[in-house]
Amino acid sequence: GVGWRQLATPYLKERGIQILDPTDKPVTQCRFNEIGDEKEMIKKLVK
């Protein structure tokens, strides 16, 4: 789910719009962005 978000973000930021993206969470308290290695780790826990 990162493709369209990464492409849309520069357009929105150019208009001064702040982005809240679940694949790149702007917080430190949540350890999981649900993508990449984290997604693979979740799949292993499911198995």
All heavy atoms as atom14 arrays in JSON, in Angstrom:
{
  "sequence": "GVGWRQLATPYLKERGIQILDPTDKPVTQCRFNEIGDEKEMIKKLVK",
  "atom14_mask": [
    [1, 1, 1, 1, 0, 0, 0, 0, 0, 0, 0, 0, 0, 0],
    [1, 1, 1, 1, 1, 1, 1, 0, 0, 0, 0, 0, 0, 0],
    [1, 1, 1, 1, 0, 0, 0, 0, 0, 0, 0, 0, 0, 0],
    [1, 1, 1, 1, 1, 1, 1, 1, 1, 1, 1, 1, 1, 1],
    [1, 1, 1, 1, 1, 1, 1, 1, 1, 1, 1, 0, 0, 0],
    [1, 1, 1, 1, 1, 1, 1, 1, 1, 0, 0, 0, 0, 0],
    [1, 1, 1, 1, 1, 1, 1, 1, 0, 0, 0, 0, 0, 0],
    [1, 1, 1, 1, 1, 0, 0, 0, 0, 0, 0, 0, 0, 0],
    [1, 1, 1, 1, 1, 1, 1, 0, 0, 0, 0, 0, 0, 0],
    [1, 1, 1, 1, 1, 1, 1, 0, 0, 0, 0, 0, 0, 0],
    [1, 1, 1, 1, 1, 1, 1, 1, 1, 1, 1, 1, 0, 0],
    [1, 1, 1, 1, 1, 1, 1, 1, 0, 0, 0, 0, 0, 0],
    [1, 1, 1, 1, 1, 1, 1, 1, 1, 0, 0, 0, 0, 0],
    [1, 1, 1, 1, 1, 1, 1, 1, 1, 0, 0, 0, 0, 0],
    [1, 1, 1, 1, 1, 1, 1, 1, 1, 1, 1, 0, 0, 0],
    [1, 1, 1, 1, 0, 0, 0, 0, 0, 0, 0, 0, 0, 0],
    [1, 1, 1, 1, 1, 1, 1, 1, 0, 0, 0, 0, 0, 0],
    [1, 1, 1, 1, 1, 1, 1, 1, 1, 0, 0, 0, 0, 0],
    [1, 1, 1, 1, 1, 1, 1, 1, 0, 0, 0, 0, 0, 0],
    [1, 1, 1, 1, 1, 1, 1, 1, 0, 0, 0, 0, 0, 0],
    [1, 1, 1, 1, 1, 1, 1, 1, 0, 0, 0, 0, 0, 0],
    [1, 1, 1, 1, 1, 1, 1, 0, 0, 0, 0, 0, 0, 0],
    [1, 1, 1, 1, 1, 1, 1, 0, 0, 0, 0, 0, 0, 0],
    [1, 1, 1, 1, 1, 1, 1, 1, 0, 0, 0, 0, 0, 0],
    [1, 1, 1, 1, 1, 1, 1, 1, 1, 0, 0, 0, 0, 0],
    [1, 1, 1, 1, 1, 1, 1, 0, 0, 0, 0, 0, 0, 0],
    [1, 1, 1, 1, 1, 1, 1, 0, 0, 0, 0, 0, 0, 0],
    [1, 1, 1, 1, 1, 1, 1, 0, 0, 0, 0, 0, 0, 0],
    [1, 1, 1, 1, 1, 1, 1, 1, 1, 0, 0, 0, 0, 0],
    [1, 1, 1, 1, 1, 1, 0, 0, 0, 0, 0, 0, 0, 0],
    [1, 1, 1, 1, 1, 1, 1, 1, 1, 1, 1, 0, 0, 0],
    [1, 1, 1, 1, 1, 1, 1, 1, 1, 1, 1, 0, 0, 0],
    [1, 1, 1, 1, 1, 1, 1, 1, 0, 0, 0, 0, 0, 0],
    [1, 1, 1, 1, 1, 1, 1, 1, 1, 0, 0, 0, 0, 0],
    [1, 1, 1, 1, 1, 1, 1, 1, 0, 0, 0, 0, 0, 0],
    [1, 1, 1, 1, 0, 0, 0, 0, 0, 0, 0, 0, 0, 0],
    [1, 1, 1, 1, 1, 1, 1, 1, 0, 0, 0, 0, 0, 0],
    [1, 1, 1, 1, 1, 1, 1, 1, 1, 0, 0, 0, 0, 0],
    [1, 1, 1, 1, 1, 1, 1, 1, 1, 0, 0, 0, 0, 0],
    [1, 1, 1, 1, 1, 1, 1, 1, 1, 0, 0, 0, 0, 0],
    [1, 1, 1, 1, 1, 1, 1, 1, 0, 0, 0, 0, 0, 0],
    [1, 1, 1, 1, 1, 1, 1, 1, 0, 0, 0, 0, 0, 0],
    [1, 1, 1, 1, 1, 1, 1, 1, 1, 0, 0, 0, 0, 0],
    [1, 1, 1, 1, 1, 1, 1, 1, 1, 0, 0, 0, 0, 0],
    [1, 1, 1, 1, 1, 1, 1, 1, 0, 0, 0, 0, 0, 0],
    [1, 1, 1, 1, 1, 1, 1, 0, 0, 0, 0, 0, 0, 0],
    [1, 1, 1, 1, 1, 1, 1, 1, 1, 0, 0, 0, 0, 0]
  ],
  "atom14_positions": [
    [[0.79, -1.23, 0.0], [0.0, 0.0, 0.0], [0.82, 1.27, 0.0], [0.26, 2.37, 0.17], [0.0, 0.0, 0.0], [0.0, 0.0, 0.0], [0.0, 0.0, 0.0], [0.0, 0.0, 0.0], [0.0, 0.0, 0.0], [0.0, 0.0, 0.0], [0.0, 0.0, 0.0], [0.0, 0.0, 0.0], [0.0, 0.0, 0.0], [0.0, 0.0, 0.0]],
    [[2.14, 1.16, -0.22], [2.97, 2.36, -0.15], [3.02, 3.12, -1.48], [3.29, 4.33, -1.5], [4.41, 2.04, 0.3], [4.4, 1.35, 1.66], [5.13, 1.16, -0.73], [0.0, 0.0, 0.0], [0.0, 0.0, 0.0], [0.0, 0.0, 0.0], [0.0, 0.0, 0.0], [0.0, 0.0, 0.0], [0.0, 0.0, 0.0], [0.0, 0.0, 0.0]],
    [[2.77, 2.44, -2.6], [2.97, 3.05, -3.91], [2.18, 4.32, -4.13], [2.74, 5.38, -4.39], [0.0, 0.0, 0.0], [0.0, 0.0, 0.0], [0.0, 0.0, 0.0], [0.0, 0.0, 0.0], [0.0, 0.0, 0.0], [0.0, 0.0, 0.0], [0.0, 0.0, 0.0], [0.0, 0.0, 0.0], [0.0, 0.0, 0.0], [0.0, 0.0, 0.0]],
    [[0.85, 4.22, -4.01], [0.02, 5.39, -4.28], [0.23, 6.46, -3.22], [0.17, 7.67, -3.52], [-1.46, 5.02, -4.41], [-2.17, 4.64, -3.15], [-2.34, 3.4, -2.64], [-2.82, 5.53, -2.23], [-3.05, 3.44, -1.46], [-3.37, 4.75, -1.19], [-3.01, 6.92, -2.2], [-4.08, 5.29, -0.13], [-3.72, 7.47, -1.13], [-4.25, 6.66, -0.12]],
    [[0.52, 6.04, -1.99], [0.74, 7.02, -0.93], [2.02, 7.83, -1.18], [2.04, 9.04, -1.0], [0.82, 6.31, 0.43], [-0.53, 5.74, 0.91], [-0.35, 5.01, 2.23], [-1.62, 4.63, 2.84], [-2.18, 3.43, 2.71], [-1.6, 2.49, 1.98], [-3.34, 3.17, 3.32], [0.0, 0.0, 0.0], [0.0, 0.0, 0.0], [0.0, 0.0, 0.0]],
    [[3.08, 7.15, -1.6], [4.33, 7.85, -1.86], [4.23, 8.78, -3.07], [4.92, 9.8, -3.13], [5.46, 6.83, -2.08], [5.86, 6.11, -0.81], [6.96, 5.1, -1.03], [7.3, 4.75, -2.17], [7.55, 4.6, 0.05], [0.0, 0.0, 0.0], [0.0, 0.0, 0.0], [0.0, 0.0, 0.0], [0.0, 0.0, 0.0], [0.0, 0.0, 0.0]],
    [[3.38, 8.43, -4.01], [3.2, 9.28, -5.18], [2.3, 10.47, -4.89], [2.49, 11.55, -5.44], [2.65, 8.46, -6.35], [3.63, 7.43, -6.94], [2.9, 6.49, -7.89], [4.77, 8.12, -7.65], [0.0, 0.0, 0.0], [0.0, 0.0, 0.0], [0.0, 0.0, 0.0], [0.0, 0.0, 0.0], [0.0, 0.0, 0.0], [0.0, 0.0, 0.0]],
    [[1.3, 10.26, -4.05], [0.36, 11.35, -3.73], [0.94, 12.34, -2.73], [0.6, 13.53, -2.76], [-0.94, 10.77, -3.18], [0.0, 0.0, 0.0], [0.0, 0.0, 0.0], [0.0, 0.0, 0.0], [0.0, 0.0, 0.0], [0.0, 0.0, 0.0], [0.0, 0.0, 0.0], [0.0, 0.0, 0.0], [0.0, 0.0, 0.0], [0.0, 0.0, 0.0]],
    [[1.83, 11.88, -1.87], [2.33, 12.72, -0.78], [3.0, 14.0, -1.27], [2.71, 15.09, -0.75], [3.27, 11.91, 0.13], [2.47, 10.93, 0.84], [3.97, 12.8, 1.15], [0.0, 0.0, 0.0], [0.0, 0.0, 0.0], [0.0, 0.0, 0.0], [0.0, 0.0, 0.0], [0.0, 0.0, 0.0], [0.0, 0.0, 0.0], [0.0, 0.0, 0.0]],
    [[3.92, 13.97, -2.26], [4.55, 15.23, -2.7], [3.55, 16.24, -3.24], [3.68, 17.44, -3.0], [5.52, 14.78, -3.8], [5.78, 13.34, -3.51], [4.5, 12.81, -2.95], [0.0, 0.0, 0.0], [0.0, 0.0, 0.0], [0.0, 0.0, 0.0], [0.0, 0.0, 0.0], [0.0, 0.0, 0.0], [0.0, 0.0, 0.0], [0.0, 0.0, 0.0]],
    [[2.54, 15.76, -3.96], [1.5, 16.65, -4.48], [0.78, 17.35, -3.33], [0.55, 18.56, -3.36], [0.52, 15.85, -5.34], [-0.8, 16.56, -5.54], [-0.96, 17.51, -6.54], [-1.88, 16.3, -4.7], [-2.16, 18.18, -6.69], [-3.08, 16.96, -4.85], [-3.21, 17.9, -5.84], [-4.4, 18.57, -5.99], [0.0, 0.0, 0.0], [0.0, 0.0, 0.0]],
    [[0.39, 16.58, -2.32], [-0.35, 17.15, -1.19], [0.53, 18.11, -0.38], [0.09, 19.19, 0.01], [-0.88, 16.02, -0.31], [-1.91, 15.09, -0.99], [-2.15, 13.86, -0.14], [-3.21, 15.82, -1.26], [0.0, 0.0, 0.0], [0.0, 0.0, 0.0], [0.0, 0.0, 0.0], [0.0, 0.0, 0.0], [0.0, 0.0, 0.0], [0.0, 0.0, 0.0]],
    [[1.77, 17.7, -0.13], [2.68, 18.55, 0.64], [2.95, 19.87, -0.08], [3.15, 20.91, 0.55], [3.98, 17.81, 0.91], [3.87, 16.76, 2.01], [5.24, 16.19, 2.36], [5.16, 15.27, 3.57], [6.5, 14.72, 3.91], [0.0, 0.0, 0.0], [0.0, 0.0, 0.0], [0.0, 0.0, 0.0], [0.0, 0.0, 0.0], [0.0, 0.0, 0.0]],
    [[2.97, 19.84, -1.4], [3.2, 21.06, -2.17], [2.12, 22.09, -1.89], [2.35, 23.3, -2.0], [3.26, 20.75, -3.66], [3.66, 21.92, -4.53], [3.68, 21.57, -6.0], [2.69, 20.98, -6.48], [4.67, 21.86, -6.68], [0.0, 0.0, 0.0], [0.0, 0.0, 0.0], [0.0, 0.0, 0.0], [0.0, 0.0, 0.0], [0.0, 0.0, 0.0]],
    [[0.95, 21.64, -1.53], [-0.16, 22.53, -1.22], [-0.24, 22.82, 0.28], [-1.22, 23.37, 0.75], [-1.45, 21.92, -1.74], [-1.58, 22.13, -3.24], [-2.12, 20.92, -3.98], [-2.02, 21.18, -5.42], [-0.91, 20.96, -6.14], [0.17, 20.47, -5.56], [-0.88, 21.23, -7.43], [0.0, 0.0, 0.0], [0.0, 0.0, 0.0], [0.0, 0.0, 0.0]],
    [[0.8, 22.45, 1.0], [0.85, 22.73, 2.43], [0.0, 21.8, 3.26], [-0.31, 22.11, 4.43], [0.0, 0.0, 0.0], [0.0, 0.0, 0.0], [0.0, 0.0, 0.0], [0.0, 0.0, 0.0], [0.0, 0.0, 0.0], [0.0, 0.0, 0.0], [0.0, 0.0, 0.0], [0.0, 0.0, 0.0], [0.0, 0.0, 0.0], [0.0, 0.0, 0.0]],
    [[-0.39, 20.66, 2.7], [-1.22, 19.69, 3.4], [-0.31, 18.73, 4.17], [0.64, 18.19, 3.61], [-2.12, 18.91, 2.42], [-3.08, 19.88, 1.71], [-2.9, 17.81, 3.14], [-3.83, 19.26, 0.54], [0.0, 0.0, 0.0], [0.0, 0.0, 0.0], [0.0, 0.0, 0.0], [0.0, 0.0, 0.0], [0.0, 0.0, 0.0], [0.0, 0.0, 0.0]],
    [[-0.6, 18.55, 5.45], [0.18, 17.65, 6.28], [-0.35, 16.22, 6.12], [-1.56, 16.01, 6.07], [0.11, 18.09, 7.74], [0.64, 19.49, 7.97], [0.39, 19.97, 9.38], [0.48, 19.21, 10.34], [0.06, 21.25, 9.52], [0.0, 0.0, 0.0], [0.0, 0.0, 0.0], [0.0, 0.0, 0.0], [0.0, 0.0, 0.0], [0.0, 0.0, 0.0]],
    [[0.56, 15.26, 6.05], [0.2, 13.88, 5.74], [0.21, 13.01, 6.98], [1.16, 13.03, 7.78], [1.18, 13.29, 4.69], [1.25, 14.19, 3.45], [0.77, 11.86, 4.33], [-0.09, 14.41, 2.77], [0.0, 0.0, 0.0], [0.0, 0.0, 0.0], [0.0, 0.0, 0.0], [0.0, 0.0, 0.0], [0.0, 0.0, 0.0], [0.0, 0.0, 0.0]],
    [[-0.84, 12.23, 7.14], [-0.92, 11.19, 8.16], [-1.03, 9.86, 7.42], [-2.06, 9.55, 6.81], [-2.12, 11.42, 9.07], [-2.08, 12.72, 9.9], [-3.42, 12.98, 10.57], [-0.96, 12.65, 10.93], [0.0, 0.0, 0.0], [0.0, 0.0, 0.0], [0.0, 0.0, 0.0], [0.0, 0.0, 0.0], [0.0, 0.0, 0.0], [0.0, 0.0, 0.0]],
    [[0.06, 9.08, 7.45], [0.19, 7.89, 6.61], [0.38, 6.66, 7.5], [1.36, 6.58, 8.25], [1.41, 8.07, 5.69], [1.65, 6.89, 4.77], [1.01, 5.84, 4.93], [2.5, 7.04, 3.86], [0.0, 0.0, 0.0], [0.0, 0.0, 0.0], [0.0, 0.0, 0.0], [0.0, 0.0, 0.0], [0.0, 0.0, 0.0], [0.0, 0.0, 0.0]],
    [[-0.54, 5.68, 7.44], [-0.41, 4.5, 8.31], [0.79, 3.62, 7.97], [1.2, 2.8, 8.8], [-1.73, 3.76, 8.08], [-2.18, 4.2, 6.73], [-1.75, 5.63, 6.61], [0.0, 0.0, 0.0], [0.0, 0.0, 0.0], [0.0, 0.0, 0.0], [0.0, 0.0, 0.0], [0.0, 0.0, 0.0], [0.0, 0.0, 0.0], [0.0, 0.0, 0.0]],
    [[1.37, 3.77, 6.76], [2.57, 3.01, 6.43], [3.84, 3.74, 6.83], [4.94, 3.23, 6.65], [2.62, 2.7, 4.91], [2.82, 3.91, 4.17], [1.34, 2.02, 4.46], [0.0, 0.0, 0.0], [0.0, 0.0, 0.0], [0.0, 0.0, 0.0], [0.0, 0.0, 0.0], [0.0, 0.0, 0.0], [0.0, 0.0, 0.0], [0.0, 0.0, 0.0]],
    [[3.69, 4.94, 7.36], [4.82, 5.74, 7.84], [4.33, 6.59, 9.01], [4.25, 7.8, 8.94], [5.37, 6.61, 6.71], [6.64, 7.35, 7.11], [7.28, 6.95, 8.11], [6.98, 8.35, 6.45], [0.0, 0.0, 0.0], [0.0, 0.0, 0.0], [0.0, 0.0, 0.0], [0.0, 0.0, 0.0], [0.0, 0.0, 0.0], [0.0, 0.0, 0.0]],
    [[3.98, 5.9, 10.08], [3.3, 6.54, 11.21], [4.18, 7.62, 11.84], [5.34, 7.36, 12.16], [2.9, 5.5, 12.25], [1.84, 4.52, 11.76], [1.54, 3.49, 12.81], [0.41, 2.55, 12.42], [0.57, 1.9, 11.12], [0.0, 0.0, 0.0], [0.0, 0.0, 0.0], [0.0, 0.0, 0.0], [0.0, 0.0, 0.0], [0.0, 0.0, 0.0]],
    [[3.64, 8.82, 12.07], [4.43, 9.92, 12.65], [4.46, 9.89, 14.17], [4.34, 10.92, 14.83], [3.68, 11.16, 12.14], [2.24, 10.73, 12.1], [2.28, 9.26, 11.71], [0.0, 0.0, 0.0], [0.0, 0.0, 0.0], [0.0, 0.0, 0.0], [0.0, 0.0, 0.0], [0.0, 0.0, 0.0], [0.0, 0.0, 0.0], [0.0, 0.0, 0.0]],
    [[4.6, 8.69, 14.74], [4.65, 8.55, 16.19], [5.73, 7.53, 16.56], [6.07, 6.67, 15.76], [3.29, 8.09, 16.77], [2.21, 9.12, 16.52], [2.88, 6.74, 16.2], [0.0, 0.0, 0.0], [0.0, 0.0, 0.0], [0.0, 0.0, 0.0], [0.0, 0.0, 0.0], [0.0, 0.0, 0.0], [0.0, 0.0, 0.0], [0.0, 0.0, 0.0]],
    [[6.24, 7.64, 17.77], [7.24, 6.68, 18.24], [6.63, 5.59, 19.1], [7.24, 4.54, 19.29], [8.33, 7.4, 19.05], [7.71, 8.11, 20.14], [9.09, 8.38, 18.19], [0.0, 0.0, 0.0], [0.0, 0.0, 0.0], [0.0, 0.0, 0.0], [0.0, 0.0, 0.0], [0.0, 0.0, 0.0], [0.0, 0.0, 0.0], [0.0, 0.0, 0.0]],
    [[5.42, 5.81, 19.61], [4.84, 4.84, 20.52], [4.36, 3.58, 19.82], [4.21, 2.53, 20.45], [3.67, 5.46, 21.29], [2.41, 5.66, 20.45], [1.29, 6.3, 21.25], [1.36, 7.47, 21.57], [0.28, 5.53, 21.58], [0.0, 0.0, 0.0], [0.0, 0.0, 0.0], [0.0, 0.0, 0.0], [0.0, 0.0, 0.0], [0.0, 0.0, 0.0]],
    [[4.1, 3.66, 18.51], [3.67, 2.49, 17.75], [4.88, 1.92, 17.02], [5.52, 2.6, 16.23], [2.57, 2.85, 16.76], [1.94, 1.4, 15.85], [0.0, 0.0, 0.0], [0.0, 0.0, 0.0], [0.0, 0.0, 0.0], [0.0, 0.0, 0.0], [0.0, 0.0, 0.0], [0.0, 0.0, 0.0], [0.0, 0.0, 0.0], [0.0, 0.0, 0.0]],
    [[5.18, 0.66, 17.28], [6.38, 0.04, 16.71], [6.15, -0.53, 15.31], [7.08, -0.98, 14.67], [6.83, -1.11, 17.62], [7.24, -0.68, 19.02], [7.3, -1.88, 19.94], [5.96, -2.4, 20.23], [5.72, -3.6, 20.77], [6.74, -4.4, 21.04], [4.48, -3.98, 21.02], [0.0, 0.0, 0.0], [0.0, 0.0, 0.0], [0.0, 0.0, 0.0]],
    [[4.9, -0.48, 14.83], [4.58, -1.23, 13.62], [3.94, -0.35, 12.55], [2.92, 0.29, 12.78], [3.62, -2.39, 13.96], [4.17, -3.29, 15.04], [3.7, -3.18, 16.33], [5.16, -4.21, 14.76], [4.2, -3.98, 17.34], [5.67, -5.02, 15.76], [5.19, -4.91, 17.05], [0.0, 0.0, 0.0], [0.0, 0.0, 0.0], [0.0, 0.0, 0.0]],
    [[4.58, -0.33, 11.37], [4.01, 0.35, 10.21], [3.35, -0.64, 9.25], [2.87, -0.25, 8.19], [5.1, 1.14, 9.46], [5.5, 2.38, 10.21], [4.65, 3.13, 10.69], [6.8, 2.61, 10.35], [0.0, 0.0, 0.0], [0.0, 0.0, 0.0], [0.0, 0.0, 0.0], [0.0, 0.0, 0.0], [0.0, 0.0, 0.0], [0.0, 0.0, 0.0]],
    [[3.38, -1.93, 9.6], [2.64, -2.98, 8.89], [3.21, -3.32, 7.52], [2.55, -3.99, 6.74], [1.16, -2.6, 8.73], [0.49, -2.11, 9.99], [-0.83, -1.43, 9.71], [-1.77, -2.11, 9.26], [-0.93, -0.2, 9.94], [0.0, 0.0, 0.0], [0.0, 0.0, 0.0], [0.0, 0.0, 0.0], [0.0, 0.0, 0.0], [0.0, 0.0, 0.0]],
    [[4.41, -2.88, 7.22], [4.96, -3.09, 5.89], [6.34, -3.73, 5.98], [6.95, -3.76, 7.04], [5.05, -1.77, 5.09], [6.02, -0.8, 5.77], [3.68, -1.14, 4.94], [6.28, 0.45, 4.96], [0.0, 0.0, 0.0], [0.0, 0.0, 0.0], [0.0, 0.0, 0.0], [0.0, 0.0, 0.0], [0.0, 0.0, 0.0], [0.0, 0.0, 0.0]],
    [[6.82, -4.24, 4.84], [8.18, -4.75, 4.75], [8.45, -5.88, 5.73], [7.69, -6.85, 5.84], [0.0, 0.0, 0.0], [0.0, 0.0, 0.0], [0.0, 0.0, 0.0], [0.0, 0.0, 0.0], [0.0, 0.0, 0.0], [0.0, 0.0, 0.0], [0.0, 0.0, 0.0], [0.0, 0.0, 0.0], [0.0, 0.0, 0.0], [0.0, 0.0, 0.0]],
    [[9.57, -5.76, 6.45], [9.98, -6.81, 7.4], [8.94, -6.99, 8.5], [8.74, -8.12, 8.98], [11.33, -6.46, 8.03], [12.47, -6.52, 7.02], [12.3, -7.16, 5.96], [13.53, -5.91, 7.29], [0.0, 0.0, 0.0], [0.0, 0.0, 0.0], [0.0, 0.0, 0.0], [0.0, 0.0, 0.0], [0.0, 0.0, 0.0], [0.0, 0.0, 0.0]],
    [[8.29, -5.91, 8.91], [7.27, -6.01, 9.96], [6.1, -6.86, 9.48], [5.54, -7.67, 10.23], [6.79, -4.62, 10.35], [7.87, -3.79, 11.04], [7.46, -2.35, 11.22], [6.31, -2.03, 10.88], [8.28, -1.55, 11.71], [0.0, 0.0, 0.0], [0.0, 0.0, 0.0], [0.0, 0.0, 0.0], [0.0, 0.0, 0.0], [0.0, 0.0, 0.0]],
    [[5.72, -6.69, 8.23], [4.62, -7.49, 7.66], [5.01, -8.96, 7.61], [4.19, -9.84, 7.91], [4.29, -6.96, 6.26], [3.04, -7.59, 5.64], [2.72, -6.88, 4.33], [1.46, -7.42, 3.69], [1.13, -6.7, 2.43], [0.0, 0.0, 0.0], [0.0, 0.0, 0.0], [0.0, 0.0, 0.0], [0.0, 0.0, 0.0], [0.0, 0.0, 0.0]],
    [[6.26, -9.24, 7.24], [6.72, -10.63, 7.2], [6.75, -11.24, 8.6], [6.41, -12.41, 8.78], [8.12, -10.69, 6.56], [8.14, -10.33, 5.08], [7.18, -11.17, 4.25], [7.21, -12.42, 4.42], [6.41, -10.59, 3.47], [0.0, 0.0, 0.0], [0.0, 0.0, 0.0], [0.0, 0.0, 0.0], [0.0, 0.0, 0.0], [0.0, 0.0, 0.0]],
    [[7.13, -10.45, 9.6], [7.13, -10.93, 10.97], [5.72, -11.28, 11.42], [5.49, -12.3, 12.08], [7.74, -9.86, 11.89], [7.82, -10.25, 13.37], [6.35, -9.75, 14.3], [6.54, -7.97, 14.27], [0.0, 0.0, 0.0], [0.0, 0.0, 0.0], [0.0, 0.0, 0.0], [0.0, 0.0, 0.0], [0.0, 0.0, 0.0], [0.0, 0.0, 0.0]],
    [[4.75, -10.44, 11.04], [3.36, -10.72, 11.39], [2.88, -12.01, 10.73], [2.19, -12.83, 11.36], [2.47, -9.52, 10.98], [2.75, -8.32, 11.89], [0.99, -9.9, 11.03], [2.09, -7.03, 11.44], [0.0, 0.0, 0.0], [0.0, 0.0, 0.0], [0.0, 0.0, 0.0], [0.0, 0.0, 0.0], [0.0, 0.0, 0.0], [0.0, 0.0, 0.0]],
    [[3.26, -12.22, 9.48], [2.89, -13.47, 8.78], [3.46, -14.69, 9.5], [2.8, -15.73, 9.62], [3.38, -13.43, 7.34], [2.63, -12.47, 6.44], [3.2, -12.5, 5.02], [2.45, -11.56, 4.1], [3.01, -11.55, 2.72], [0.0, 0.0, 0.0], [0.0, 0.0, 0.0], [0.0, 0.0, 0.0], [0.0, 0.0, 0.0], [0.0, 0.0, 0.0]],
    [[4.69, -14.58, 10.01], [5.3, -15.69, 10.74], [4.56, -15.97, 12.04], [4.35, -17.14, 12.41], [6.77, -15.38, 11.03], [7.66, -15.4, 9.79], [9.1, -15.05, 10.13], [9.97, -15.03, 8.87], [11.37, -14.65, 9.19], [0.0, 0.0, 0.0], [0.0, 0.0, 0.0], [0.0, 0.0, 0.0], [0.0, 0.0, 0.0], [0.0, 0.0, 0.0]],
    [[4.14, -14.91, 12.72], [3.38, -15.1, 13.95], [2.04, -15.78, 13.67], [1.56, -16.58, 14.47], [3.14, -13.75, 14.63], [4.37, -13.09, 15.27], [4.01, -11.71, 15.82], [4.97, -13.97, 16.37], [0.0, 0.0, 0.0], [0.0, 0.0, 0.0], [0.0, 0.0, 0.0], [0.0, 0.0, 0.0], [0.0, 0.0, 0.0], [0.0, 0.0, 0.0]],
    [[1.44, -15.46, 12.52], [0.18, -16.13, 12.13], [0.43, -17.62, 11.93], [-0.35, -18.47, 12.41], [-0.4, -15.49, 10.85], [-1.57, -16.33, 10.32], [-0.85, -14.06, 11.11], [0.0, 0.0, 0.0], [0.0, 0.0, 0.0], [0.0, 0.0, 0.0], [0.0, 0.0, 0.0], [0.0, 0.0, 0.0], [0.0, 0.0, 0.0], [0.0, 0.0, 0.0]],
    [[1.49, -17.97, 11.22], [1.81, -19.39, 10.99], [2.06, -20.12, 12.3], [1.73, -21.3, 12.45], [3.03, -19.5, 10.08], [2.76, -19.14, 8.63], [3.99, -19.34, 7.77], [3.71, -18.98, 6.31], [4.91, -19.18, 5.45], [0.0, 0.0, 0.0], [0.0, 0.0, 0.0], [0.0, 0.0, 0.0], [0.0, 0.0, 0.0], [0.0, 0.0, 0.0]]
  ]
}
